[in-house]
Amino acid sequence: MRIEVIGTRGGYGTLSELYVLSENPEFTVVSYEEFIENDKMGRVTPIDARDFEIEFTGLNWNNATPDKMIDGSSTTIWQTEELKNGEEPYFVIDMKKVYNVKEFTYTPRQTADFHGCWLNVTISASADNDNWFTVAENVALEKNLDTKKIVFPEAVEARYIEVLIHEYYAKRVSCAEIGVYQPANAEPDETYVLQPA
């Protein structure tokens, strides 16, 4: 094998590491176009949360209101007041229109005592706020500060997302940020065409 450098920047050719890989029979060779298409099928993109509304009917701690979960900052939080034993709080997100939803993320309150961490949740969805179906049931979450990703078995058409928290740490529920994602190949909401003046 010979590698010939035919163009450089500044007249120098440099190399840190070079790896030569043998064929792996477990992998399939595809064209670049197929690779891009497959990559798009597996990727997700965030749905803009600026117009979302969140409804929670329980008591919030001080000014730690649910809208803090969608303000784009992990330094602000939503947190409940102390909950009774066995109480399962929930909130509903209204995304204002129907999306093809594939994934949900949750970032815990960034505090070393893990106060309010979600430990087990169920997520349901609805396109019309009348007909609900479960998309992720009794999902166990680790007690740490990492962002948790809940991937639905398949994309679902939904305007409303309900998050029911079955188990949580230290008698409160808190959250720094949530995210709702659609497949990367979803059709854009609007198309803009540039016209010559």
C-alpha atoms as a PDB file:
ATOM      1  CA  MET A   1       0.000   0.000   0.000  1.00  0.00           C
ATOM      2  CA  ARG A   2       1.312   3.405  -0.932  1.00  0.00           C
ATOM      3  CA  ILE A   3      -0.130   6.729   0.194  1.00  0.00           C
ATOM      4  CA  GLU A   4       0.839   9.764  -1.836  1.00  0.00           C
ATOM      5  CA  VAL A   5       0.097  13.240  -0.510  1.00  0.00           C
ATOM      6  CA  ILE A   6      -0.774  15.448  -3.487  1.00  0.00           C
ATOM      7  CA  GLY A   7      -1.917  18.573  -1.619  1.00  0.00           C
ATOM      8  CA  THR A   8      -0.904  20.123   1.690  1.00  0.00           C
ATOM      9  CA  ARG A   9      -1.475  23.245   3.700  1.00  0.00           C
ATOM     10  CA  GLY A  10       1.584  25.405   4.225  1.00  0.00           C
ATOM     11  CA  GLY A  11       3.845  22.984   2.330  1.00  0.00           C
ATOM     12  CA  TYR A  12       3.870  20.392   5.121  1.00  0.00           C
ATOM     13  CA  GLY A  13       2.465  16.894   5.305  1.00  0.00           C
ATOM     14  CA  THR A  14       1.883  15.573   8.815  1.00  0.00           C
ATOM     15  CA  LEU A  15       0.385  12.441  10.313  1.00  0.00           C
ATOM     16  CA  SER A  16      -0.368  11.504  13.895  1.00  0.00           C
ATOM     17  CA  GLU A  17      -1.741   7.963  13.564  1.00  0.00           C
ATOM     18  CA  LEU A  18      -2.515   5.591  10.712  1.00  0.00           C
ATOM     19  CA  TYR A  19      -4.775   2.562  11.062  1.00  0.00           C
ATOM     20  CA  VAL A  20      -5.158  -0.223   8.509  1.00  0.00           C
ATOM     21  CA  LEU A  21      -8.250  -2.364   9.009  1.00  0.00           C
ATOM     22  CA  SER A  22      -8.912  -5.779   7.549  1.00  0.00           C
ATOM     23  CA  GLU A  23     -12.311  -6.772   6.184  1.00  0.00           C
ATOM     24  CA  ASN A  24     -14.884  -7.708   8.811  1.00  0.00           C
ATOM     25  CA  PRO A  25     -17.372 -10.298   7.498  1.00  0.00           C
ATOM     26  CA  GLU A  26     -19.980  -9.056  10.000  1.00  0.00           C
ATOM     27  CA  PHE A  27     -20.116  -5.664   8.266  1.00  0.00           C
ATOM     28  CA  THR A  28     -21.777  -4.878   4.973  1.00  0.00           C
ATOM     29  CA  VAL A  29     -20.137  -2.503   2.526  1.00  0.00           C
ATOM     30  CA  VAL A  30     -22.580   0.112   1.236  1.00  0.00           C
ATOM     31  CA  SER A  31     -22.312   3.113  -1.027  1.00  0.00           C
ATOM     32  CA  TYR A  32     -21.903   6.592   0.442  1.00  0.00           C
ATOM     33  CA  GLU A  33     -25.488   7.436  -0.541  1.00  0.00           C
ATOM     34  CA  GLU A  34     -26.813   4.342   1.290  1.00  0.00           C
ATOM     35  CA  PHE A  35     -24.698   5.198   4.335  1.00  0.00           C
ATOM     36  CA  ILE A  36     -26.131   8.731   4.497  1.00  0.00           C
ATOM     37  CA  GLU A  37     -29.690   7.426   4.122  1.00  0.00           C
ATOM     38  CA  ASN A  38     -29.191   4.793   6.852  1.00  0.00           C
ATOM     39  CA  ASP A  39     -27.568   7.386   9.101  1.00  0.00           C
ATOM     40  CA  LYS A  40     -30.536   9.711   8.687  1.00  0.00           C
ATOM     41  CA  MET A  41     -32.935   6.889   9.554  1.00  0.00           C
ATOM     42  CA  GLY A  42     -31.220   6.357  12.906  1.00  0.00           C
ATOM     43  CA  ARG A  43     -30.638   9.972  13.906  1.00  0.00           C
ATOM     44  CA  VAL A  44     -33.016  12.279  15.698  1.00  0.00           C
ATOM     45  CA  THR A  45     -33.290  16.042  15.889  1.00  0.00           C
ATOM     46  CA  PRO A  46     -34.713  18.122  18.735  1.00  0.00           C
ATOM     47  CA  ILE A  47     -38.168  19.629  18.438  1.00  0.00           C
ATOM     48  CA  ASP A  48     -38.073  23.329  19.293  1.00  0.00           C
ATOM     49  CA  ALA A  49     -39.519  23.622  22.791  1.00  0.00           C
ATOM     50  CA  ARG A  50     -39.990  27.403  22.840  1.00  0.00           C
ATOM     51  CA  ASP A  51     -43.725  27.113  22.160  1.00  0.00           C
ATOM     52  CA  PHE A  52     -44.322  24.119  24.432  1.00  0.00           C
ATOM     53  CA  GLU A  53     -46.599  24.421  27.451  1.00  0.00           C
ATOM     54  CA  ILE A  54     -46.339  22.130  30.471  1.00  0.00           C
ATOM     55  CA  GLU A  55     -49.211  21.474  32.861  1.00  0.00           C
ATOM     56  CA  PHE A  56     -48.560  20.167  36.373  1.00  0.00           C
ATOM     57  CA  THR A  57     -51.398  20.234  38.895  1.00  0.00           C
ATOM     58  CA  GLY A  58     -49.316  19.573  42.021  1.00  0.00           C
ATOM     59  CA  LEU A  59     -47.412  21.984  44.249  1.00  0.00           C
ATOM     60  CA  ASN A  60     -44.142  23.489  43.060  1.00  0.00           C
ATOM     61  CA  TRP A  61     -41.266  24.298  45.391  1.00  0.00           C
ATOM     62  CA  ASN A  62     -40.809  28.118  45.518  1.00  0.00           C
ATOM     63  CA  ASN A  63     -40.478  29.394  41.932  1.00  0.00           C
ATOM     64  CA  ALA A  64     -39.197  26.073  40.556  1.00  0.00           C
ATOM     65  CA  THR A  65     -42.064  25.865  38.045  1.00  0.00           C
ATOM     66  CA  PRO A  66     -42.453  23.362  35.163  1.00  0.00           C
ATOM     67  CA  ASP A  67     -41.553  25.928  32.471  1.00  0.00           C
ATOM     68  CA  LYS A  68     -37.956  25.749  33.782  1.00  0.00           C
ATOM     69  CA  MET A  69     -37.713  22.304  32.146  1.00  0.00           C
ATOM     70  CA  ILE A  70     -37.899  23.843  28.667  1.00  0.00           C
ATOM     71  CA  ASP A  71     -35.984  27.112  29.092  1.00  0.00           C
ATOM     72  CA  GLY A  72     -32.768  25.739  27.573  1.00  0.00           C
ATOM     73  CA  SER A  73     -30.758  25.944  30.801  1.00  0.00           C
ATOM     74  CA  SER A  74     -29.715  23.137  33.153  1.00  0.00           C
ATOM     75  CA  THR A  75     -29.122  25.662  35.951  1.00  0.00           C
ATOM     76  CA  THR A  76     -32.844  26.361  36.410  1.00  0.00           C
ATOM     77  CA  ILE A  77     -35.100  23.595  37.695  1.00  0.00           C
ATOM     78  CA  TRP A  78     -38.612  22.344  38.212  1.00  0.00           C
ATOM     79  CA  GLN A  79     -39.152  20.791  41.629  1.00  0.00           C
ATOM     80  CA  THR A  80     -42.180  19.656  43.566  1.00  0.00           C
ATOM     81  CA  GLU A  81     -42.883  20.239  47.212  1.00  0.00           C
ATOM     82  CA  GLU A  82     -42.371  17.180  49.415  1.00  0.00           C
ATOM     83  CA  LEU A  83     -44.586  14.334  48.212  1.00  0.00           C
ATOM     84  CA  LYS A  84     -46.581  11.826  50.238  1.00  0.00           C
ATOM     85  CA  ASN A  85     -45.551   8.170  50.278  1.00  0.00           C
ATOM     86  CA  GLY A  86     -46.826   6.439  47.143  1.00  0.00           C
ATOM     87  CA  GLU A  87     -47.718   9.697  45.370  1.00  0.00           C
ATOM     88  CA  GLU A  88     -46.973   9.549  41.634  1.00  0.00           C
ATOM     89  CA  PRO A  89     -46.737  13.041  40.149  1.00  0.00           C
ATOM     90  CA  TYR A  90     -47.126  13.607  36.427  1.00  0.00           C
ATOM     91  CA  PHE A  91     -47.022  16.455  33.954  1.00  0.00           C
ATOM     92  CA  VAL A  92     -48.323  16.911  30.416  1.00  0.00           C
ATOM     93  CA  ILE A  93     -46.450  18.641  27.593  1.00  0.00           C
ATOM     94  CA  ASP A  94     -48.499  20.346  24.886  1.00  0.00           C
ATOM     95  CA  MET A  95     -46.228  20.727  21.838  1.00  0.00           C
ATOM     96  CA  LYS A  96     -48.938  22.830  20.119  1.00  0.00           C
ATOM     97  CA  LYS A  97     -49.053  20.611  17.024  1.00  0.00           C
ATOM     98  CA  VAL A  98     -48.610  16.983  16.043  1.00  0.00           C
ATOM     99  CA  TYR A  99     -45.042  15.749  15.586  1.00  0.00           C
ATOM    100  CA  ASN A 100     -43.529  12.392  14.743  1.00  0.00           C
ATOM    101  CA  VAL A 101     -41.851  11.718  18.110  1.00  0.00           C
ATOM    102  CA  LYS A 102     -39.120   9.121  18.603  1.00  0.00           C
ATOM    103  CA  GLU A 103     -37.175  10.044  21.734  1.00  0.00           C
ATOM    104  CA  PHE A 104     -37.443  11.812  25.092  1.00  0.00           C
ATOM    105  CA  THR A 105     -34.575  13.036  27.259  1.00  0.00           C
ATOM    106  CA  TYR A 106     -34.457  14.061  30.898  1.00  0.00           C
ATOM    107  CA  THR A 107     -31.632  15.936  32.631  1.00  0.00           C
ATOM    108  CA  PRO A 108     -31.780  15.698  36.431  1.00  0.00           C
ATOM    109  CA  ARG A 109     -31.339  18.643  38.747  1.00  0.00           C
ATOM    110  CA  GLN A 110     -27.580  19.131  38.862  1.00  0.00           C
ATOM    111  CA  THR A 111     -27.030  18.672  42.576  1.00  0.00           C
ATOM    112  CA  ALA A 112     -24.621  16.259  44.254  1.00  0.00           C
ATOM    113  CA  ASP A 113     -27.290  14.887  46.620  1.00  0.00           C
ATOM    114  CA  PHE A 114     -29.444  13.637  43.682  1.00  0.00           C
ATOM    115  CA  HIS A 115     -32.455  15.352  45.260  1.00  0.00           C
ATOM    116  CA  GLY A 116     -35.542  14.705  43.120  1.00  0.00           C
ATOM    117  CA  CYS A 117     -33.957  12.254  40.658  1.00  0.00           C
ATOM    118  CA  TRP A 118     -36.472  10.200  38.680  1.00  0.00           C
ATOM    119  CA  LEU A 119     -35.991   6.466  39.224  1.00  0.00           C
ATOM    120  CA  ASN A 120     -38.904   4.973  37.279  1.00  0.00           C
ATOM    121  CA  VAL A 121     -41.213   6.583  34.711  1.00  0.00           C
ATOM    122  CA  THR A 122     -43.948   5.826  32.209  1.00  0.00           C
ATOM    123  CA  ILE A 123     -44.418   8.001  29.124  1.00  0.00           C
ATOM    124  CA  SER A 124     -47.706   8.194  27.227  1.00  0.00           C
ATOM    125  CA  ALA A 125     -48.646  10.140  24.112  1.00  0.00           C
ATOM    126  CA  SER A 126     -51.716  11.480  22.334  1.00  0.00           C
ATOM    127  CA  ALA A 127     -52.391  13.352  19.126  1.00  0.00           C
ATOM    128  CA  ASP A 128     -55.703  14.818  20.344  1.00  0.00           C
ATOM    129  CA  ASN A 129     -55.604  14.764  24.186  1.00  0.00           C
ATOM    130  CA  ASP A 130     -58.399  12.150  24.194  1.00  0.00           C
ATOM    131  CA  ASN A 131     -56.862   8.955  22.835  1.00  0.00           C
ATOM    132  CA  TRP A 132     -53.763   8.107  24.869  1.00  0.00           C
ATOM    133  CA  PHE A 133     -51.321   5.237  24.432  1.00  0.00           C
ATOM    134  CA  THR A 134     -48.217   4.169  26.345  1.00  0.00           C
ATOM    135  CA  VAL A 135     -44.897   4.503  24.505  1.00  0.00           C
ATOM    136  CA  ALA A 136     -42.473   3.627  27.335  1.00  0.00           C
ATOM    137  CA  GLU A 137     -43.642   1.817  30.453  1.00  0.00           C
ATOM    138  CA  ASN A 138     -41.916   1.525  33.837  1.00  0.00           C
ATOM    139  CA  VAL A 139     -38.534   2.661  32.552  1.00  0.00           C
ATOM    140  CA  ALA A 140     -35.904   2.319  35.293  1.00  0.00           C
ATOM    141  CA  LEU A 141     -33.444   5.220  35.483  1.00  0.00           C
ATOM    142  CA  GLU A 142     -30.109   5.334  37.282  1.00  0.00           C
ATOM    143  CA  LYS A 143     -29.631   7.755  40.157  1.00  0.00           C
ATOM    144  CA  ASN A 144     -26.938  10.032  38.719  1.00  0.00           C
ATOM    145  CA  LEU A 145     -26.641  13.438  37.045  1.00  0.00           C
ATOM    146  CA  ASP A 146     -26.365  12.174  33.456  1.00  0.00           C
ATOM    147  CA  THR A 147     -28.988  13.056  30.865  1.00  0.00           C
ATOM    148  CA  LYS A 148     -31.276  10.053  30.387  1.00  0.00           C
ATOM    149  CA  LYS A 149     -32.424   9.060  26.905  1.00  0.00           C
ATOM    150  CA  ILE A 150     -35.686   7.148  26.450  1.00  0.00           C
ATOM    151  CA  VAL A 151     -36.015   5.856  22.882  1.00  0.00           C
ATOM    152  CA  PHE A 152     -39.491   4.763  21.798  1.00  0.00           C
ATOM    153  CA  PRO A 153     -39.751   1.396  19.978  1.00  0.00           C
ATOM    154  CA  GLU A 154     -41.041   3.332  16.975  1.00  0.00           C
ATOM    155  CA  ALA A 155     -41.861   6.931  16.159  1.00  0.00           C
ATOM    156  CA  VAL A 156     -45.360   8.004  17.231  1.00  0.00           C
ATOM    157  CA  GLU A 157     -47.599  10.840  16.100  1.00  0.00           C
ATOM    158  CA  ALA A 158     -48.200  13.018  19.130  1.00  0.00           C
ATOM    159  CA  ARG A 159     -49.033  16.533  20.197  1.00  0.00           C
ATOM    160  CA  TYR A 160     -49.229  15.698  23.909  1.00  0.00           C
ATOM    161  CA  ILE A 161     -46.676  13.821  26.020  1.00  0.00           C
ATOM    162  CA  GLU A 162     -47.488  12.697  29.562  1.00  0.00           C
ATOM    163  CA  VAL A 163     -44.662  11.803  31.935  1.00  0.00           C
ATOM    164  CA  LEU A 164     -45.687   9.847  35.042  1.00  0.00           C
ATOM    165  CA  ILE A 165     -42.957   9.493  37.678  1.00  0.00           C
ATOM    166  CA  HIS A 166     -43.516   6.307  39.701  1.00  0.00           C
ATOM    167  CA  GLU A 167     -40.341   6.405  41.802  1.00  0.00           C
ATOM    168  CA  TYR A 168     -38.042   9.279  42.770  1.00  0.00           C
ATOM    169  CA  TYR A 169     -35.371  10.130  45.290  1.00  0.00           C
ATOM    170  CA  ALA A 170     -35.754  12.051  48.570  1.00  0.00           C
ATOM    171  CA  LYS A 171     -39.549  12.603  48.487  1.00  0.00           C
ATOM    172  CA  ARG A 172     -39.447  15.233  45.743  1.00  0.00           C
ATOM    173  CA  VAL A 173     -39.373  15.260  41.947  1.00  0.00           C
ATOM    174  CA  SER A 174     -37.098  17.679  40.140  1.00  0.00           C
ATOM    175  CA  CYS A 175     -35.766  18.233  36.640  1.00  0.00           C
ATOM    176  CA  ALA A 176     -33.303  20.594  35.016  1.00  0.00           C
ATOM    177  CA  GLU A 177     -34.258  20.066  31.385  1.00  0.00           C
ATOM    178  CA  ILE A 178     -36.260  17.804  29.079  1.00  0.00           C
ATOM    179  CA  GLY A 179     -36.073  17.256  25.324  1.00  0.00           C
ATOM    180  CA  VAL A 180     -38.427  15.783  22.724  1.00  0.00           C
ATOM    181  CA  TYR A 181     -36.940  14.472  19.469  1.00  0.00           C
ATOM    182  CA  GLN A 182     -38.172  13.535  16.022  1.00  0.00           C
ATOM    183  CA  PRO A 183     -36.459  11.373  13.373  1.00  0.00           C
ATOM    184  CA  ALA A 184     -33.872  13.334  11.399  1.00  0.00           C
ATOM    185  CA  ASN A 185     -35.630  12.435   8.164  1.00  0.00           C
ATOM    186  CA  ALA A 186     -38.924  13.983   9.312  1.00  0.00           C
ATOM    187  CA  GLU A 187     -40.364  16.496   6.905  1.00  0.00           C
ATOM    188  CA  PRO A 188     -39.486  20.109   7.828  1.00  0.00           C
ATOM    189  CA  ASP A 189     -42.300  22.294   9.114  1.00  0.00           C
ATOM    190  CA  GLU A 190     -41.743  24.990   6.516  1.00  0.00           C
ATOM    191  CA  THR A 191     -39.778  25.359   3.309  1.00  0.00           C
ATOM    192  CA  TYR A 192     -38.137  28.623   2.261  1.00  0.00           C
ATOM    193  CA  VAL A 193     -37.066  29.306  -1.315  1.00  0.00           C
ATOM    194  CA  LEU A 194     -34.711  32.172  -2.093  1.00  0.00           C
ATOM    195  CA  GLN A 195     -35.849  34.262  -5.064  1.00  0.00           C
ATOM    196  CA  PRO A 196     -33.651  36.725  -6.997  1.00  0.00           C
ATOM    197  CA  ALA A 197     -34.533  40.349  -6.286  1.00  0.00           C
END
